[in-house]
């Protein structure tokens, strides 16, 4: 007798199968994340509450990816945000590369860095003596680079950013520290340092990290329609397997009415998956008055729609471009879609025949009385 597969293995296979229908540019990263998560918790106790929570999360992610493949635009946009590092684990990895200090190139530079770090940790105590605090994680961050990048993002202010907006007063965390405590005394060095760490952590939480120039150029090509369609074109869905009785498992077979569920559970809970707002996520077949409307938020993926999706990602993605001959200085370049006014053709002139010419007239403006 052949045993049925374990539920977690069943979900794992379904996830990898559903990922195969994503755009080719998204598949490697999403599939790698799924494999690494399942391999990491392969030998966990199945009765552990955390394991049960992960299984429920995996079922949710399966429905999420299925809905994205079937035209739910918001889900596909969130997947693209994860793939290109605007949210999720990849964003954390890019942030780590942004905030860390560059290693010194020679012994002289190393000695200067050690002296500067020692001076930065030295402070004057209340009794007037000089003391040196213990190093912390903020000492490993390049605060000047963080402030420069936050200033650039604050000026750009991407309208579709998934992170909170950076205001001008938040660029310099040191300037936001109070000079006195609630008793009117000078702020203690330990408390000032903890507040400074909190301000930098809040600032980095708002940053959209840069990507490599090659990836940024690829995003620009996808947003402008110059990339090969093999990067974004989704493969057709394979037909379902044939059951032993010769019928296709297409999900359209008549099911017996579960009257016990309707007798013990509110109807709104049973038929929630058949509503217009949830049908795109559940894929349930509907009949009766449910057929009067199509699922909400579902679109048909076209080349134009893909360009708009990638344009939203590109406008929130920066890259660092080195300045040649500027002593290692660099520029922060953001994606920007040009919105040109369409040029009217000669065939449109017939609509304006006989229209009066509008000219600027010089007249006195009437003020309020």
Protein backbone atom coordinates (compact mmCIF):
# COMPACT_ATOMS: atom_id res chain seq x y z
CA UNK A 1 0.00 0.00 0.00
CA UNK A 2 1.42 3.36 -1.03
CA UNK A 3 1.41 5.95 1.72
CA UNK A 4 0.22 9.48 1.00
CA UNK A 5 2.90 12.20 1.19
CA UNK A 6 3.29 14.25 4.32
CA UNK A 7 1.36 17.55 4.36
CA UNK A 8 4.54 19.65 4.51
CA UNK A 9 6.08 17.79 1.57
CA UNK A 10 2.82 18.23 -0.31
CA UNK A 11 2.91 22.01 0.28
CA UNK A 12 6.60 22.15 -0.65
CA UNK A 13 5.94 20.50 -4.03
CA UNK A 14 2.93 22.72 -4.68
CA UNK A 15 4.99 25.84 -3.93
CA UNK A 16 7.79 24.87 -6.32
CA UNK A 17 5.24 23.98 -8.99
CA UNK A 18 3.48 27.33 -8.60
CA UNK A 19 6.80 29.23 -8.70
CA UNK A 20 7.51 27.68 -12.11
CA UNK A 21 4.68 29.85 -13.53
CA UNK A 22 6.19 33.13 -12.32
CA UNK A 23 8.11 35.38 -14.74
CA UNK A 24 11.57 33.93 -15.45
CA UNK A 25 13.28 36.89 -13.79
CA UNK A 26 11.50 36.10 -10.48
CA UNK A 27 11.80 32.32 -10.38
CA UNK A 28 15.41 31.83 -9.18
CA UNK A 29 15.13 34.04 -6.10
CA UNK A 30 11.67 32.84 -5.01
CA UNK A 31 12.55 29.17 -5.54
CA UNK A 32 15.81 29.61 -3.61
CA UNK A 33 13.95 31.17 -0.69
CA UNK A 34 11.44 28.32 -0.58
CA UNK A 35 14.11 25.62 -0.70
CA UNK A 36 16.27 27.27 1.96
CA UNK A 37 13.34 27.74 4.35
CA UNK A 38 12.19 24.13 4.05
CA UNK A 39 15.74 22.77 4.33
CA UNK A 40 16.40 24.90 7.41
CA UNK A 41 13.41 23.46 9.27
CA UNK A 42 13.52 19.99 7.76
CA UNK A 43 14.05 18.17 11.06
CA UNK A 44 11.85 20.36 13.27
CA UNK A 45 9.25 18.77 15.49
CA UNK A 46 5.93 18.58 13.65
CA UNK A 47 3.98 19.19 16.89
CA UNK A 48 5.90 22.35 17.74
CA UNK A 49 3.62 25.44 17.69
CA UNK A 50 6.21 27.34 15.65
CA UNK A 51 6.27 24.53 13.07
CA UNK A 52 2.49 24.59 12.81
CA UNK A 53 2.63 28.35 12.32
CA UNK A 54 5.19 27.92 9.50
CA UNK A 55 2.97 25.34 7.79
CA UNK A 56 0.01 27.72 7.93
CA UNK A 57 2.24 30.46 6.54
CA UNK A 58 3.34 28.17 3.71
CA UNK A 59 -0.29 27.48 2.81
CA UNK A 60 -0.93 31.21 2.75
CA UNK A 61 2.10 31.81 0.53
CA UNK A 62 0.87 29.11 -1.87
CA UNK A 63 -2.47 30.88 -2.28
CA UNK A 64 -0.62 34.19 -2.58
CA UNK A 65 1.61 33.02 -5.47
CA UNK A 66 -1.31 31.25 -7.16
CA UNK A 67 -3.35 34.46 -7.11
CA UNK A 68 -0.40 36.44 -8.50
CA UNK A 69 -0.02 33.99 -11.39
CA UNK A 70 -3.74 34.23 -12.12
CA UNK A 71 -3.76 38.00 -12.50
CA UNK A 72 -4.00 39.53 -9.02
CA UNK A 73 -1.90 42.63 -9.62
CA UNK A 74 -1.21 43.59 -6.00
CA UNK A 75 0.26 40.17 -5.26
CA UNK A 76 2.54 40.26 -8.29
CA UNK A 77 3.73 43.75 -7.34
CA UNK A 78 4.64 42.53 -3.84
CA UNK A 79 6.56 39.60 -5.32
CA UNK A 80 8.56 42.00 -7.50
CA UNK A 81 9.30 44.15 -4.43
CA UNK A 82 10.79 41.10 -2.72
CA UNK A 83 12.77 39.96 -5.77
CA UNK A 84 14.44 43.34 -6.36
CA UNK A 85 15.19 44.02 -2.70
CA UNK A 86 12.63 46.71 -1.91
CA UNK A 87 11.21 44.61 0.93
CA UNK A 88 11.96 41.33 2.65
CA UNK A 89 15.16 39.41 3.21
CA UNK A 90 17.02 40.70 0.15
CA UNK A 91 16.47 44.27 1.29
CA UNK A 92 18.10 43.37 4.61
CA UNK A 93 21.08 41.93 2.76
CA UNK A 94 21.42 45.05 0.60
CA UNK A 95 21.10 47.28 3.68
CA UNK A 96 23.91 45.33 5.36
CA UNK A 97 26.17 46.05 2.40
CA UNK A 98 25.24 49.73 2.46
CA UNK A 99 25.80 50.52 6.14
CA UNK A 100 29.02 48.58 6.74
CA UNK A 101 32.33 50.40 6.64
CA UNK A 102 34.79 49.71 3.87
CA UNK A 103 37.90 47.86 5.10
CA UNK A 104 41.14 49.90 5.11
CA UNK A 105 43.39 49.42 2.12
CA UNK A 106 46.76 49.72 3.92
CA UNK A 107 48.30 49.88 7.38
CA UNK A 108 48.35 53.69 7.51
CA UNK A 109 44.64 53.89 6.77
CA UNK A 110 43.99 51.20 9.37
CA UNK A 111 45.88 53.18 12.01
CA UNK A 112 43.95 56.36 11.20
CA UNK A 113 40.66 54.46 11.40
CA UNK A 114 41.56 53.04 14.81
CA UNK A 115 42.54 56.47 16.14
CA UNK A 116 39.32 58.05 14.85
CA UNK A 117 37.24 55.27 16.37
CA UNK A 118 39.00 55.66 19.71
CA UNK A 119 38.40 59.41 19.69
CA UNK A 120 34.74 58.89 18.83
CA UNK A 121 34.29 56.59 21.83
CA UNK A 122 35.93 59.04 24.24
CA UNK A 123 33.58 61.31 26.19
CA UNK A 124 33.72 63.63 29.17
CA UNK A 125 32.06 62.33 32.32
CA UNK A 126 30.13 64.49 34.76
CA UNK A 127 33.14 64.75 37.05
CA UNK A 128 35.21 66.18 34.18
CA UNK A 129 37.34 63.09 33.53
CA UNK A 130 37.69 61.50 30.09
CA UNK A 131 36.30 58.01 29.72
CA UNK A 132 36.06 55.56 26.85
CA UNK A 133 32.79 53.73 26.27
CA UNK A 134 32.48 50.15 25.06
CA UNK A 135 32.16 49.67 21.28
CA UNK A 136 28.68 48.83 19.95
CA UNK A 137 27.07 47.93 16.62
CA UNK A 138 26.74 51.56 15.56
CA UNK A 139 30.54 51.86 15.48
CA UNK A 140 30.55 49.37 12.60
CA UNK A 141 28.21 51.53 10.50
CA UNK A 142 29.34 54.17 8.02
CA UNK A 143 27.18 56.99 9.34
CA UNK A 144 28.35 59.50 6.72
CA UNK A 145 27.30 57.19 3.90
CA UNK A 146 23.93 56.60 5.57
CA UNK A 147 23.27 60.33 5.90
CA UNK A 148 24.29 61.02 2.30
CA UNK A 149 22.04 58.25 1.00
CA UNK A 150 19.12 59.32 3.21
CA UNK A 151 19.50 62.90 1.96
CA UNK A 152 19.35 61.71 -1.65
CA UNK A 153 16.25 59.61 -0.99
CA UNK A 154 14.61 62.49 0.86
CA UNK A 155 15.11 64.78 -2.15
CA UNK A 156 13.86 62.11 -4.55
CA UNK A 157 10.92 61.02 -2.36
CA UNK A 158 9.73 58.08 -4.52
CA UNK A 159 5.91 58.29 -4.63
CA UNK A 160 5.42 54.49 -4.69
CA UNK A 161 7.97 53.67 -2.02
CA UNK A 162 7.07 50.72 0.26
CA UNK A 163 9.07 52.37 3.07
CA UNK A 164 8.10 55.45 5.12
CA UNK A 165 9.08 58.85 3.75
CA UNK A 166 12.36 60.44 4.84
CA UNK A 167 11.96 64.06 5.93
CA UNK A 168 14.75 66.63 5.89
CA UNK A 169 14.91 66.83 9.70
CA UNK A 170 15.48 63.06 9.92
CA UNK A 171 18.65 62.99 7.78
CA UNK A 172 20.99 63.88 10.66
CA UNK A 173 20.07 61.74 13.70
CA UNK A 174 22.59 63.52 15.96
CA UNK A 175 20.75 66.83 15.56
CA UNK A 176 17.54 65.24 16.86
CA UNK A 177 18.99 64.40 20.27
CA UNK A 178 17.83 66.60 23.16
CA UNK A 179 20.48 68.61 24.97
CA UNK A 180 18.88 68.15 28.39
CA UNK A 181 16.89 65.47 30.14
CA UNK A 182 13.48 65.94 31.77
CA UNK A 183 15.12 67.41 34.88
CA UNK A 184 16.94 70.10 32.91
CA UNK A 185 20.35 68.50 33.32
CA UNK A 186 22.79 67.68 30.50
CA UNK A 187 21.95 64.41 28.80
CA UNK A 188 24.07 61.51 30.06
CA UNK A 189 26.50 60.03 27.54
CA UNK A 190 25.03 56.52 27.88
CA UNK A 191 21.48 57.75 27.33
CA UNK A 192 22.58 59.95 24.41
CA UNK A 193 24.27 56.98 22.77
CA UNK A 194 21.19 54.77 23.13
CA UNK A 195 18.98 57.50 21.67
CA UNK A 196 21.43 57.94 18.79
CA UNK A 197 21.31 54.22 18.03
CA UNK A 198 17.52 54.35 18.04
CA UNK A 199 17.48 57.31 15.62
CA UNK A 200 19.87 55.60 13.19
CA UNK A 201 17.86 52.39 13.32
CA UNK A 202 14.67 54.32 12.48
CA UNK A 203 16.46 56.12 9.64
CA UNK A 204 17.83 52.91 8.09
CA UNK A 205 14.35 51.39 8.31
CA UNK A 206 13.20 54.04 5.80
CA UNK A 207 16.04 53.58 3.31
CA UNK A 208 15.61 51.88 -0.07
CA UNK A 209 19.02 50.23 -0.61
CA UNK A 210 20.90 50.52 -3.93
CA UNK A 211 21.50 47.63 -6.31
CA UNK A 212 24.34 46.86 -8.69
CA UNK A 213 24.57 48.83 -11.91
CA UNK A 214 23.90 45.75 -14.06
CA UNK A 215 20.67 44.98 -12.22
CA UNK A 216 19.62 48.63 -12.39
CA UNK A 217 20.20 48.70 -16.15
CA UNK A 218 18.16 45.51 -16.52
CA UNK A 219 15.30 47.10 -14.57
CA UNK A 220 15.45 50.15 -16.83
CA UNK A 221 15.26 47.93 -19.90
CA UNK A 222 12.27 46.10 -18.44
CA UNK A 223 10.52 49.38 -17.56
CA UNK A 224 11.10 50.95 -20.98
CA UNK A 225 10.22 47.83 -22.98
CA UNK A 226 13.74 47.25 -24.35
CA UNK A 227 14.32 43.93 -22.57
CA UNK A 228 13.81 40.52 -24.11
CA UNK A 229 10.34 39.13 -23.47
CA UNK A 230 11.96 35.95 -22.19
CA UNK A 231 12.64 37.84 -18.94
CA UNK A 232 8.99 38.60 -18.15
CA UNK A 233 6.76 36.39 -20.30
CA UNK A 234 4.94 33.84 -18.15
CA UNK A 235 4.70 30.24 -19.38
CA UNK A 236 1.27 28.73 -20.05
CA UNK A 237 -0.19 26.66 -17.26
CA UNK A 238 0.14 22.92 -17.78
CA UNK A 239 -3.06 20.82 -17.90
CA UNK A 240 -4.06 18.94 -14.80
CA UNK A 241 -3.35 15.26 -14.41
CA UNK A 242 -5.89 12.64 -15.52
CA UNK A 243 -7.52 10.69 -12.71
CA UNK A 244 -7.69 6.87 -12.80
CA UNK A 245 -11.37 7.01 -13.81
CA UNK A 246 -10.43 8.93 -16.96
CA UNK A 247 -11.75 12.33 -15.85
CA UNK A 248 -9.68 15.48 -15.56
CA UNK A 249 -9.19 16.89 -12.12
CA UNK A 250 -10.14 20.40 -13.22
CA UNK A 251 -11.89 21.34 -10.02
CA UNK A 252 -15.31 21.57 -11.73
CA UNK A 253 -16.76 18.28 -10.53
CA UNK A 254 -20.05 18.54 -8.70
CA UNK A 255 -19.61 18.39 -4.96
CA UNK A 256 -22.18 17.13 -2.51
CA UNK A 257 -23.86 19.85 -0.51
CA UNK A 258 -22.36 19.96 2.97
CA UNK A 259 -25.53 20.76 4.87
CA UNK A 260 -23.86 20.11 8.23
CA UNK A 261 -21.47 23.02 7.69
CA UNK A 262 -24.37 25.36 6.87
CA UNK A 263 -26.19 24.16 9.98
CA UNK A 264 -23.29 24.75 12.38
CA UNK A 265 -21.31 27.63 10.81
CA UNK A 266 -22.39 31.14 9.76
CA UNK A 267 -23.05 31.36 6.03
CA UNK A 268 -20.74 34.35 5.66
CA UNK A 269 -17.81 32.20 6.84
CA UNK A 270 -18.60 29.34 4.45
CA UNK A 271 -19.19 31.46 1.36
CA UNK A 272 -16.49 34.06 2.05
CA UNK A 273 -14.17 32.46 -0.51
CA UNK A 274 -16.83 32.84 -3.22
CA UNK A 275 -17.11 36.62 -2.93
CA UNK A 276 -15.69 38.91 -5.60
CA UNK A 277 -12.92 40.13 -3.32
CA UNK A 278 -11.73 36.62 -2.35
CA UNK A 279 -12.40 34.64 -5.53
CA UNK A 280 -9.07 35.77 -7.02
CA UNK A 281 -7.27 34.19 -4.05
CA UNK A 282 -9.32 31.02 -3.56
CA UNK A 283 -10.16 30.11 -7.17
CA UNK A 284 -13.54 28.73 -6.15
CA UNK A 285 -16.13 28.13 -8.85
CA UNK A 286 -19.35 30.08 -8.33
CA UNK A 287 -22.92 29.78 -9.47
CA UNK A 288 -26.18 31.61 -8.97
CA UNK A 289 -26.00 35.29 -8.11
CA UNK A 290 -22.23 35.02 -7.50
CA UNK A 291 -21.69 34.81 -11.27
CA UNK A 292 -22.87 38.38 -11.83
CA UNK A 293 -19.46 39.93 -11.19
CA UNK A 294 -15.87 39.07 -12.04
CA UNK A 295 -13.20 38.77 -9.32
CA UNK A 296 -11.84 42.08 -8.10
CA UNK A 297 -8.26 43.09 -8.79
CA UNK A 298 -7.65 40.48 -11.50
CA UNK A 299 -5.96 41.63 -14.72
CA UNK A 300 -4.68 40.01 -17.85
CA UNK A 301 -0.91 40.34 -18.08
CA UNK A 302 0.11 42.22 -21.22
CA UNK A 303 3.46 43.71 -22.28
CA UNK A 304 2.19 47.18 -21.39
CA UNK A 305 1.11 46.05 -17.94
CA UNK A 306 4.50 44.45 -17.33
CA UNK A 307 6.25 47.69 -18.31
CA UNK A 308 4.17 49.60 -15.77
CA UNK A 309 4.88 47.08 -13.04
CA UNK A 310 8.62 47.19 -13.63
CA UNK A 311 8.51 51.00 -13.90
CA UNK A 312 7.10 51.18 -10.36
CA UNK A 313 10.00 49.06 -9.12
CA UNK A 314 12.62 50.97 -11.12
CA UNK A 315 11.51 54.35 -9.75
CA UNK A 316 12.14 53.10 -6.20
CA UNK A 317 15.53 51.55 -7.01
CA UNK A 318 18.79 53.55 -6.86
CA UNK A 319 22.32 52.66 -7.86
CA UNK A 320 25.69 54.12 -6.92
CA UNK A 321 27.73 55.42 -9.86
CA UNK A 322 31.40 56.17 -9.35
CA UNK A 323 32.68 59.55 -10.57
CA UNK A 324 35.76 59.10 -12.77
CA UNK A 325 38.70 61.20 -11.61
CA UNK A 326 36.92 62.49 -8.48
CA UNK A 327 38.96 60.65 -5.86
CA UNK A 328 36.49 57.84 -5.18
CA UNK A 329 33.41 60.06 -5.01
CA UNK A 330 30.14 58.69 -6.34
CA UNK A 331 26.66 59.75 -7.39
CA UNK A 332 23.35 58.19 -6.37
CA UNK A 333 21.18 57.67 -9.45
CA UNK A 334 17.46 56.90 -9.20
CA UNK A 335 15.17 55.45 -11.83
CA UNK A 336 12.99 58.05 -13.49
CA UNK A 337 10.35 57.43 -16.15
CA UNK A 338 9.94 60.31 -18.61
CA UNK A 339 6.32 61.24 -19.15
CA UNK A 340 6.33 63.04 -22.49
CA UNK A 341 3.23 64.73 -23.87
CA UNK A 342 1.91 62.76 -26.88
CA UNK A 343 2.39 64.52 -30.20
CA UNK A 344 -0.80 65.13 -32.18
CA UNK A 345 -0.83 63.74 -35.70
CA UNK A 346 -2.27 65.39 -38.79
CA UNK A 347 -5.41 63.25 -38.63
CA UNK A 348 -6.36 64.90 -35.33
CA UNK A 349 -6.35 68.41 -36.81
CA UNK A 350 -9.89 67.97 -38.16
CA UNK A 351 -11.29 68.15 -34.63
CA UNK A 352 -9.91 71.68 -34.16
CA UNK A 353 -11.06 73.22 -37.46
CA UNK A 354 -12.96 76.44 -36.88
CA UNK A 355 -11.91 76.72 -33.25
CA UNK A 356 -11.02 80.29 -32.15
CA UNK A 357 -7.40 81.04 -31.43
CA UNK A 358 -6.61 81.59 -27.78
CA UNK A 359 -4.15 84.39 -27.06
CA UNK A 360 -2.84 85.89 -23.86
CA UNK A 361 -4.53 89.17 -22.96
CA UNK A 362 -3.10 91.73 -20.63
CA UNK A 363 -5.71 92.87 -18.18
CA UNK A 364 -5.93 94.00 -14.61
CA UNK A 365 -6.62 91.31 -12.08
CA UNK A 366 -9.57 92.00 -9.93
CA UNK A 367 -8.73 91.87 -6.26
CA UNK A 368 -10.93 91.05 -3.37
CA UNK A 369 -13.03 93.86 -2.06
